[in-house]
């Protein structure tokens, strides 16, 4: 009887040890999983940040383009008004010349 009792005790101890081992394994796995999740989250955040930066860059580029276009439009407008004024002046000059010839 003595021997069998000792055997069972040993077996119980072994069982406890394996249980503990399993528990620690599970905890380790869980920790690894949370770490992975955190990493994924950080990566996603980084990607999001990159995307917003890209969008901002695009926005500024678009705005710059718009400004340039506006500037060229203004320049063109100025040019046309100048040309118009010149042509008007030429017309008045011609009229004056004609008047002097008539006189």
Foldseek 3Di string as FASTA:
>chain_A
DVVVVVVVVVVVVVVVVVVVVVVVVVVVVVVVVVVVVVVVVVVVVVVVVVVVVVVVVVVVVVVVVVVVVVVVVVVVVVVVVVVVVVVVVVVVVVVVVVVVVVD
